[in-house]
Amino acid sequence: MKTVAELRAEGNKVKVIHRRWYLTDELRPQYFLFSKYELAEFCVNNPVGAPILGPESRGGITYVELTTPDNKTVTGVAQCSFGDNYNRRLGVNKSLGRALAQLKEKK
């Protein structure tokens, strides 16, 4: 299977988004699923809200959006159960494989 770097070198656009579970406020815990950019925006827009305690080591979602030079777009998603440790590399490999499988189906 090709890597993200190989696909980009061939002229494809590859967008990878990792979302992790973040915990707020130990007294009234709430979980939010954020990418690092969404987390920064949330913190700016809610400065007096509950503090973000940091990402959980378990659970998460990885999205891959692949756009070919002839403008075919496919997506792949890999979701890690909250009971499993989050693994970024494995998430990218699974979601990229799913996106490439969709691309083969479209041909």
C-alpha atoms as a PDB file:
ATOM      1  CA  MET A   1       0.000   0.000   0.000  1.00  0.00           C
ATOM      2  CA  LYS A   2       1.215   3.501  -0.804  1.00  0.00           C
ATOM      3  CA  THR A   3       2.022   6.019   1.900  1.00  0.00           C
ATOM      4  CA  VAL A   4       0.655   9.540   2.220  1.00  0.00           C
ATOM      5  CA  ALA A   5       4.015  10.959   1.086  1.00  0.00           C
ATOM      6  CA  GLU A   6       4.064   8.751  -2.032  1.00  0.00           C
ATOM      7  CA  LEU A   7       0.518   9.754  -2.947  1.00  0.00           C
ATOM      8  CA  ARG A   8       1.347  13.444  -2.540  1.00  0.00           C
ATOM      9  CA  ALA A   9       4.480  13.035  -4.690  1.00  0.00           C
ATOM     10  CA  GLU A  10       2.254  11.615  -7.453  1.00  0.00           C
ATOM     11  CA  GLY A  11       0.158  14.821  -7.457  1.00  0.00           C
ATOM     12  CA  ASN A  12      -2.691  13.709  -5.198  1.00  0.00           C
ATOM     13  CA  LYS A  13      -4.027  15.903  -2.415  1.00  0.00           C
ATOM     14  CA  VAL A  14      -4.180  14.031   0.887  1.00  0.00           C
ATOM     15  CA  LYS A  15      -5.774  15.567   3.964  1.00  0.00           C
ATOM     16  CA  VAL A  16      -5.387  13.745   7.288  1.00  0.00           C
ATOM     17  CA  ILE A  17      -7.380  14.769  10.361  1.00  0.00           C
ATOM     18  CA  HIS A  18      -6.920  13.156  13.773  1.00  0.00           C
ATOM     19  CA  ARG A  19      -9.582  13.690  16.385  1.00  0.00           C
ATOM     20  CA  ARG A  20      -9.001  12.779  20.022  1.00  0.00           C
ATOM     21  CA  TRP A  21     -11.257  12.719  23.051  1.00  0.00           C
ATOM     22  CA  TYR A  22     -10.615  15.611  25.439  1.00  0.00           C
ATOM     23  CA  LEU A  23     -11.880  15.704  28.995  1.00  0.00           C
ATOM     24  CA  THR A  24     -13.135  18.880  30.678  1.00  0.00           C
ATOM     25  CA  ASP A  25     -13.809  19.661  34.320  1.00  0.00           C
ATOM     26  CA  GLU A  26     -13.153  16.823  36.773  1.00  0.00           C
ATOM     27  CA  LEU A  27     -16.252  17.669  38.844  1.00  0.00           C
ATOM     28  CA  ARG A  28     -18.661  17.477  35.888  1.00  0.00           C
ATOM     29  CA  PRO A  29     -16.678  15.516  33.302  1.00  0.00           C
ATOM     30  CA  GLN A  30     -17.577  15.977  29.674  1.00  0.00           C
ATOM     31  CA  TYR A  31     -15.827  14.499  26.675  1.00  0.00           C
ATOM     32  CA  PHE A  32     -15.355  16.339  23.397  1.00  0.00           C
ATOM     33  CA  LEU A  33     -13.941  14.950  20.161  1.00  0.00           C
ATOM     34  CA  PHE A  34     -11.559  17.576  18.702  1.00  0.00           C
ATOM     35  CA  SER A  35      -8.702  17.869  16.261  1.00  0.00           C
ATOM     36  CA  LYS A  36      -5.909  20.127  17.547  1.00  0.00           C
ATOM     37  CA  TYR A  37      -7.240  22.995  15.402  1.00  0.00           C
ATOM     38  CA  GLU A  38     -10.806  22.565  16.639  1.00  0.00           C
ATOM     39  CA  LEU A  39      -9.505  22.461  20.209  1.00  0.00           C
ATOM     40  CA  ALA A  40      -7.676  25.776  19.771  1.00  0.00           C
ATOM     41  CA  GLU A  41     -10.812  27.375  18.311  1.00  0.00           C
ATOM     42  CA  PHE A  42     -12.940  25.981  21.161  1.00  0.00           C
ATOM     43  CA  CYS A  43     -10.561  27.394  23.781  1.00  0.00           C
ATOM     44  CA  VAL A  44     -10.547  30.846  22.132  1.00  0.00           C
ATOM     45  CA  ASN A  45     -14.342  30.968  21.826  1.00  0.00           C
ATOM     46  CA  ASN A  46     -14.976  29.642  25.374  1.00  0.00           C
ATOM     47  CA  PRO A  47     -12.305  31.318  27.526  1.00  0.00           C
ATOM     48  CA  VAL A  48     -14.335  31.108  30.761  1.00  0.00           C
ATOM     49  CA  GLY A  49     -15.641  27.604  30.137  1.00  0.00           C
ATOM     50  CA  ALA A  50     -14.486  24.436  31.817  1.00  0.00           C
ATOM     51  CA  PRO A  51     -10.751  23.811  31.549  1.00  0.00           C
ATOM     52  CA  ILE A  52      -9.533  21.232  29.072  1.00  0.00           C
ATOM     53  CA  LEU A  53      -7.583  18.608  30.997  1.00  0.00           C
ATOM     54  CA  GLY A  54      -5.906  17.089  27.973  1.00  0.00           C
ATOM     55  CA  PRO A  55      -6.366  14.314  25.468  1.00  0.00           C
ATOM     56  CA  GLU A  56      -7.339  10.859  26.575  1.00  0.00           C
ATOM     57  CA  SER A  57      -4.900   8.115  25.654  1.00  0.00           C
ATOM     58  CA  ARG A  58      -7.781   5.939  24.522  1.00  0.00           C
ATOM     59  CA  GLY A  59     -10.153   6.270  21.609  1.00  0.00           C
ATOM     60  CA  GLY A  60      -9.996   8.570  18.609  1.00  0.00           C
ATOM     61  CA  ILE A  61     -10.885   8.942  14.953  1.00  0.00           C
ATOM     62  CA  THR A  62      -8.671   9.413  11.902  1.00  0.00           C
ATOM     63  CA  TYR A  63     -10.081  10.788   8.639  1.00  0.00           C
ATOM     64  CA  VAL A  64      -8.262  10.719   5.305  1.00  0.00           C
ATOM     65  CA  GLU A  65      -9.545  12.669   2.313  1.00  0.00           C
ATOM     66  CA  LEU A  66      -7.828  11.811  -0.973  1.00  0.00           C
ATOM     67  CA  THR A  67      -8.305  13.927  -4.106  1.00  0.00           C
ATOM     68  CA  THR A  68      -6.727  12.660  -7.314  1.00  0.00           C
ATOM     69  CA  PRO A  69      -5.332  14.970 -10.034  1.00  0.00           C
ATOM     70  CA  ASP A  70      -8.520  14.353 -12.066  1.00  0.00           C
ATOM     71  CA  ASN A  71     -10.637  15.603  -9.089  1.00  0.00           C
ATOM     72  CA  LYS A  72     -12.011  12.290  -7.819  1.00  0.00           C
ATOM     73  CA  THR A  73     -12.425  12.558  -4.047  1.00  0.00           C
ATOM     74  CA  VAL A  74     -12.707   9.636  -1.638  1.00  0.00           C
ATOM     75  CA  THR A  75     -12.596   9.439   2.137  1.00  0.00           C
ATOM     76  CA  GLY A  76     -11.581   6.807   4.631  1.00  0.00           C
ATOM     77  CA  VAL A  77     -12.296   6.674   8.350  1.00  0.00           C
ATOM     78  CA  ALA A  78     -10.715   4.621  11.113  1.00  0.00           C
ATOM     79  CA  GLN A  79     -12.223   4.731  14.585  1.00  0.00           C
ATOM     80  CA  CYS A  80     -10.460   3.488  17.667  1.00  0.00           C
ATOM     81  CA  SER A  81     -12.670   2.121  20.428  1.00  0.00           C
ATOM     82  CA  PHE A  82     -12.538   3.999  23.738  1.00  0.00           C
ATOM     83  CA  GLY A  83     -11.186   0.795  25.269  1.00  0.00           C
ATOM     84  CA  ASP A  84      -8.153   0.737  22.937  1.00  0.00           C
ATOM     85  CA  ASN A  85      -5.028   2.871  23.015  1.00  0.00           C
ATOM     86  CA  TYR A  86      -4.992   5.489  20.261  1.00  0.00           C
ATOM     87  CA  ASN A  87      -2.369   4.812  17.588  1.00  0.00           C
ATOM     88  CA  ARG A  88      -1.931   7.557  14.989  1.00  0.00           C
ATOM     89  CA  ARG A  89       0.084   5.477  12.500  1.00  0.00           C
ATOM     90  CA  LEU A  90      -2.388   2.599  12.567  1.00  0.00           C
ATOM     91  CA  GLY A  91      -5.306   5.027  12.137  1.00  0.00           C
ATOM     92  CA  VAL A  92      -3.706   6.609   9.061  1.00  0.00           C
ATOM     93  CA  ASN A  93      -2.915   3.212   7.532  1.00  0.00           C
ATOM     94  CA  LYS A  94      -6.458   1.896   8.025  1.00  0.00           C
ATOM     95  CA  SER A  95      -8.245   5.026   6.837  1.00  0.00           C
ATOM     96  CA  LEU A  96      -5.901   5.445   3.851  1.00  0.00           C
ATOM     97  CA  GLY A  97      -6.464   1.815   2.875  1.00  0.00           C
ATOM     98  CA  ARG A  98     -10.228   2.349   3.009  1.00  0.00           C
ATOM     99  CA  ALA A  99      -9.953   5.493   0.864  1.00  0.00           C
ATOM    100  CA  LEU A 100      -7.807   3.684  -1.713  1.00  0.00           C
ATOM    101  CA  ALA A 101     -10.306   0.799  -1.801  1.00  0.00           C
ATOM    102  CA  GLN A 102     -13.071   3.281  -2.625  1.00  0.00           C
ATOM    103  CA  LEU A 103     -10.905   4.768  -5.351  1.00  0.00           C
ATOM    104  CA  LYS A 104     -10.473   1.306  -6.945  1.00  0.00           C
ATOM    105  CA  GLU A 105     -14.271   0.820  -6.858  1.00  0.00           C
ATOM    106  CA  LYS A 106     -14.823   4.132  -8.691  1.00  0.00           C
ATOM    107  CA  LYS A 107     -12.548   3.169 -11.593  1.00  0.00           C
END
